[in-house]
Amino acid sequence: MSKFDYENNREAVLEAISEKMLAECRIHRRNIEMMCDNPVGIGEHGNIVETIMGELEKYERANSLMVTASEMIDEYTRVKV
């Protein structure tokens, strides 16, 4: 049985989180762009500005998590060198 490589696993998990958050950022950015370009498509939402702000908040959260995960990866990489 081989020993589990915790260092590589740590980086792999953080990289997966970073990639997932990047995908979520892209989704929320696209939603914001579509809402700004075609506000008629938000028919069931009475307040377009609030709806777009909600997407911005989701984007901000995903972006923050992505940056944090990337910083932690960089930190672990520097420590190993």
C-alpha atoms as a PDB file:
ATOM      1  CA  MET A   1       0.000   0.000   0.000  1.00  0.00           C
ATOM      2  CA  SER A   2       1.359   3.416  -0.897  1.00  0.00           C
ATOM      3  CA  LYS A   3       1.377   6.370   1.440  1.00  0.00           C
ATOM      4  CA  PHE A   4      -1.297   8.991   0.652  1.00  0.00           C
ATOM      5  CA  ASP A   5       0.231  12.205  -0.685  1.00  0.00           C
ATOM      6  CA  TYR A   6      -1.484  14.878   1.382  1.00  0.00           C
ATOM      7  CA  GLU A   7       0.469  17.762  -0.177  1.00  0.00           C
ATOM      8  CA  ASN A   8      -0.624  16.957  -3.728  1.00  0.00           C
ATOM      9  CA  ASN A   9      -4.143  16.225  -2.554  1.00  0.00           C
ATOM     10  CA  ARG A  10      -4.322  19.629  -0.838  1.00  0.00           C
ATOM     11  CA  GLU A  11      -3.289  21.393  -4.047  1.00  0.00           C
ATOM     12  CA  ALA A  12      -5.610  19.254  -6.176  1.00  0.00           C
ATOM     13  CA  VAL A  13      -8.603  20.095  -3.989  1.00  0.00           C
ATOM     14  CA  LEU A  14      -7.781  23.806  -3.980  1.00  0.00           C
ATOM     15  CA  GLU A  15      -7.267  23.776  -7.754  1.00  0.00           C
ATOM     16  CA  ALA A  16     -10.639  22.074  -8.230  1.00  0.00           C
ATOM     17  CA  ILE A  17     -12.294  24.703  -6.032  1.00  0.00           C
ATOM     18  CA  SER A  18     -10.570  27.497  -7.944  1.00  0.00           C
ATOM     19  CA  GLU A  19     -11.697  26.044 -11.296  1.00  0.00           C
ATOM     20  CA  LYS A  20     -15.265  25.588 -10.034  1.00  0.00           C
ATOM     21  CA  MET A  21     -15.383  29.190  -8.827  1.00  0.00           C
ATOM     22  CA  LEU A  22     -14.007  30.401 -12.174  1.00  0.00           C
ATOM     23  CA  ALA A  23     -16.856  28.576 -13.913  1.00  0.00           C
ATOM     24  CA  GLU A  24     -19.378  30.151 -11.526  1.00  0.00           C
ATOM     25  CA  CYS A  25     -17.870  33.600 -12.192  1.00  0.00           C
ATOM     26  CA  ARG A  26     -18.337  33.049 -15.910  1.00  0.00           C
ATOM     27  CA  ILE A  27     -21.948  31.983 -15.417  1.00  0.00           C
ATOM     28  CA  HIS A  28     -22.824  35.006 -13.271  1.00  0.00           C
ATOM     29  CA  ARG A  29     -20.973  37.397 -15.581  1.00  0.00           C
ATOM     30  CA  ARG A  30     -22.876  36.042 -18.577  1.00  0.00           C
ATOM     31  CA  ASN A  31     -26.162  36.351 -16.670  1.00  0.00           C
ATOM     32  CA  ILE A  32     -25.355  39.987 -15.841  1.00  0.00           C
ATOM     33  CA  GLU A  33     -24.453  40.745 -19.453  1.00  0.00           C
ATOM     34  CA  MET A  34     -27.655  39.141 -20.743  1.00  0.00           C
ATOM     35  CA  MET A  35     -29.801  41.007 -18.213  1.00  0.00           C
ATOM     36  CA  CYS A  36     -28.183  44.322 -19.105  1.00  0.00           C
ATOM     37  CA  ASP A  37     -28.495  43.678 -22.844  1.00  0.00           C
ATOM     38  CA  ASN A  38     -32.033  42.272 -22.723  1.00  0.00           C
ATOM     39  CA  PRO A  39     -33.894  43.340 -19.557  1.00  0.00           C
ATOM     40  CA  VAL A  40     -37.208  42.231 -21.106  1.00  0.00           C
ATOM     41  CA  GLY A  41     -36.074  38.658 -20.451  1.00  0.00           C
ATOM     42  CA  ILE A  42     -36.407  39.255 -16.701  1.00  0.00           C
ATOM     43  CA  GLY A  43     -40.194  39.388 -16.904  1.00  0.00           C
ATOM     44  CA  GLU A  44     -40.975  37.775 -13.556  1.00  0.00           C
ATOM     45  CA  HIS A  45     -38.592  40.051 -11.681  1.00  0.00           C
ATOM     46  CA  GLY A  46     -40.112  43.398 -10.833  1.00  0.00           C
ATOM     47  CA  ASN A  47     -36.857  45.133 -10.028  1.00  0.00           C
ATOM     48  CA  ILE A  48     -34.173  44.577 -12.639  1.00  0.00           C
ATOM     49  CA  VAL A  49     -31.531  46.438 -10.623  1.00  0.00           C
ATOM     50  CA  GLU A  50     -32.041  44.179  -7.593  1.00  0.00           C
ATOM     51  CA  THR A  51     -31.891  41.085  -9.788  1.00  0.00           C
ATOM     52  CA  ILE A  52     -28.615  42.225 -11.357  1.00  0.00           C
ATOM     53  CA  MET A  53     -27.241  43.122  -7.906  1.00  0.00           C
ATOM     54  CA  GLY A  54     -28.040  39.571  -6.786  1.00  0.00           C
ATOM     55  CA  GLU A  55     -25.982  38.201  -9.681  1.00  0.00           C
ATOM     56  CA  LEU A  56     -23.168  40.633  -8.855  1.00  0.00           C
ATOM     57  CA  GLU A  57     -23.148  39.389  -5.262  1.00  0.00           C
ATOM     58  CA  LYS A  58     -22.938  35.770  -6.469  1.00  0.00           C
ATOM     59  CA  TYR A  59     -20.119  36.754  -8.833  1.00  0.00           C
ATOM     60  CA  GLU A  60     -18.285  38.568  -6.039  1.00  0.00           C
ATOM     61  CA  ARG A  61     -18.506  35.550  -3.703  1.00  0.00           C
ATOM     62  CA  ALA A  62     -17.276  33.110  -6.365  1.00  0.00           C
ATOM     63  CA  ASN A  63     -14.468  35.465  -7.370  1.00  0.00           C
ATOM     64  CA  SER A  64     -13.378  35.911  -3.755  1.00  0.00           C
ATOM     65  CA  LEU A  65     -13.272  32.151  -3.178  1.00  0.00           C
ATOM     66  CA  MET A  66     -11.343  31.647  -6.422  1.00  0.00           C
ATOM     67  CA  VAL A  67      -8.753  34.252  -5.426  1.00  0.00           C
ATOM     68  CA  THR A  68      -8.416  32.797  -1.928  1.00  0.00           C
ATOM     69  CA  ALA A  69      -7.933  29.254  -3.251  1.00  0.00           C
ATOM     70  CA  SER A  70      -5.323  30.492  -5.751  1.00  0.00           C
ATOM     71  CA  GLU A  71      -3.466  32.387  -3.028  1.00  0.00           C
ATOM     72  CA  MET A  72      -3.407  29.264  -0.855  1.00  0.00           C
ATOM     73  CA  ILE A  73      -2.040  27.194  -3.764  1.00  0.00           C
ATOM     74  CA  ASP A  74       0.702  29.779  -4.296  1.00  0.00           C
ATOM     75  CA  GLU A  75       1.454  29.769  -0.577  1.00  0.00           C
ATOM     76  CA  TYR A  76       1.823  25.989  -0.444  1.00  0.00           C
ATOM     77  CA  THR A  77       3.948  25.998  -3.602  1.00  0.00           C
ATOM     78  CA  ARG A  78       6.348  28.577  -2.144  1.00  0.00           C
ATOM     79  CA  VAL A  79       6.678  26.588   1.065  1.00  0.00           C
ATOM     80  CA  LYS A  80       7.641  23.421  -0.852  1.00  0.00           C
ATOM     81  CA  VAL A  81      10.404  25.116  -2.867  1.00  0.00           C
END
